[in-house]
Amino acid sequence: MSYLTVEKKANIFKEFGGSEKNTGSIEAQVALLTERITGISAHMKQNKKDFASNRGLMKMVGQRKRLLSYLSKTNLSGYRALIEKLGLRK
């Protein structure tokens, strides 16, 4: 599994949160979770019986879903821009 490096996290926060220090913004948190989810999903394709990682993956997906739900209620245009940028919906 490829872990997120400090530089990669800083890039995600800069791109989605506005600055490297803005780690608490909803957009940056969703982008970080999406990056982690894609990495673990690739791991799960090779290791189908890794149930501990699967549980962690499901928890991250649920957390991202809750954050996106909150964002859609508070800032609909930001929500639409974020899912378009991340490519979450088909």
Protein backbone atom coordinates (compact mmCIF):
# COMPACT_ATOMS: atom_id res chain seq x y z
CA MET A 1 0.00 0.00 0.00
CA SER A 2 1.31 3.41 -0.85
CA TYR A 3 1.09 5.80 2.03
CA LEU A 4 0.57 9.50 1.65
CA THR A 5 3.79 11.44 2.05
CA VAL A 6 4.00 14.80 3.73
CA GLU A 7 4.54 16.50 0.38
CA LYS A 8 1.52 14.80 -1.16
CA LYS A 9 -0.68 15.81 1.78
CA ALA A 10 0.59 19.39 1.53
CA ASN A 11 -0.26 19.42 -2.19
CA ILE A 12 -3.78 18.15 -1.49
CA PHE A 13 -4.33 20.76 1.22
CA LYS A 14 -2.95 23.51 -1.01
CA GLU A 15 -5.09 22.52 -3.98
CA PHE A 16 -8.37 21.92 -2.18
CA GLY A 17 -8.04 23.84 1.09
CA GLY A 18 -6.50 27.03 -0.23
CA SER A 19 -3.24 26.75 1.70
CA GLU A 20 -1.04 24.06 3.22
CA LYS A 21 -2.06 25.16 6.72
CA ASN A 22 -5.82 24.86 6.06
CA THR A 23 -6.13 21.20 6.98
CA GLY A 24 -9.59 21.53 8.50
CA SER A 25 -11.56 22.61 5.45
CA ILE A 26 -14.23 20.15 4.34
CA GLU A 27 -12.96 20.15 0.75
CA ALA A 28 -9.42 19.26 1.83
CA GLN A 29 -10.63 16.52 4.17
CA VAL A 30 -12.77 14.96 1.43
CA ALA A 31 -9.86 15.13 -1.04
CA LEU A 32 -7.52 13.47 1.47
CA LEU A 33 -10.04 10.73 2.23
CA THR A 34 -10.57 10.15 -1.49
CA GLU A 35 -6.82 9.74 -2.00
CA ARG A 36 -6.62 7.24 0.87
CA ILE A 37 -9.70 5.37 -0.39
CA THR A 38 -8.23 4.91 -3.87
CA GLY A 39 -5.01 3.54 -2.37
CA ILE A 40 -6.78 1.05 -0.12
CA SER A 41 -9.15 0.05 -2.94
CA ALA A 42 -6.15 -0.94 -5.05
CA HIS A 43 -4.83 -2.97 -2.11
CA MET A 44 -8.19 -4.68 -1.66
CA LYS A 45 -8.28 -5.79 -5.30
CA GLN A 46 -5.13 -7.83 -4.68
CA ASN A 47 -5.94 -8.96 -1.13
CA LYS A 48 -9.60 -9.91 -1.07
CA LYS A 49 -9.43 -11.60 2.35
CA ASP A 50 -7.89 -8.64 4.20
CA PHE A 51 -10.94 -7.95 6.32
CA ALA A 52 -9.26 -5.43 8.64
CA SER A 53 -8.33 -3.17 5.73
CA ASN A 54 -11.80 -3.65 4.29
CA ARG A 55 -13.34 -2.42 7.54
CA GLY A 56 -11.06 0.63 7.52
CA LEU A 57 -12.02 1.29 3.92
CA MET A 58 -15.73 1.16 4.75
CA LYS A 59 -15.21 3.55 7.69
CA MET A 60 -13.41 6.02 5.42
CA VAL A 61 -16.13 5.80 2.78
CA GLY A 62 -18.75 6.51 5.44
CA GLN A 63 -16.78 9.46 6.80
CA ARG A 64 -16.42 10.90 3.29
CA LYS A 65 -20.13 10.41 2.71
CA ARG A 66 -20.98 12.31 5.91
CA LEU A 67 -18.62 15.16 5.01
CA LEU A 68 -20.05 15.40 1.49
CA SER A 69 -23.59 15.40 2.90
CA TYR A 70 -22.70 18.28 5.21
CA LEU A 71 -21.05 20.17 2.36
CA SER A 72 -24.07 19.72 0.11
CA LYS A 73 -26.34 21.16 2.81
CA THR A 74 -24.13 24.18 3.54
CA ASN A 75 -22.50 25.00 0.18
CA LEU A 76 -24.17 23.37 -2.81
CA SER A 77 -22.03 25.07 -5.46
CA GLY A 78 -18.84 24.08 -3.61
CA TYR A 79 -20.14 20.52 -3.31
CA ARG A 80 -20.81 20.30 -7.04
CA ALA A 81 -17.40 21.76 -7.89
CA LEU A 82 -15.65 19.33 -5.53
CA ILE A 83 -17.31 16.16 -6.84
CA GLU A 84 -16.61 17.31 -10.38
CA LYS A 85 -12.94 17.97 -9.56
CA LEU A 86 -12.50 14.64 -7.75
CA GLY A 87 -14.59 12.68 -10.25
CA LEU A 88 -16.74 11.01 -7.61
CA ARG A 89 -20.04 10.75 -9.46
CA LYS A 90 -20.55 9.17 -12.83
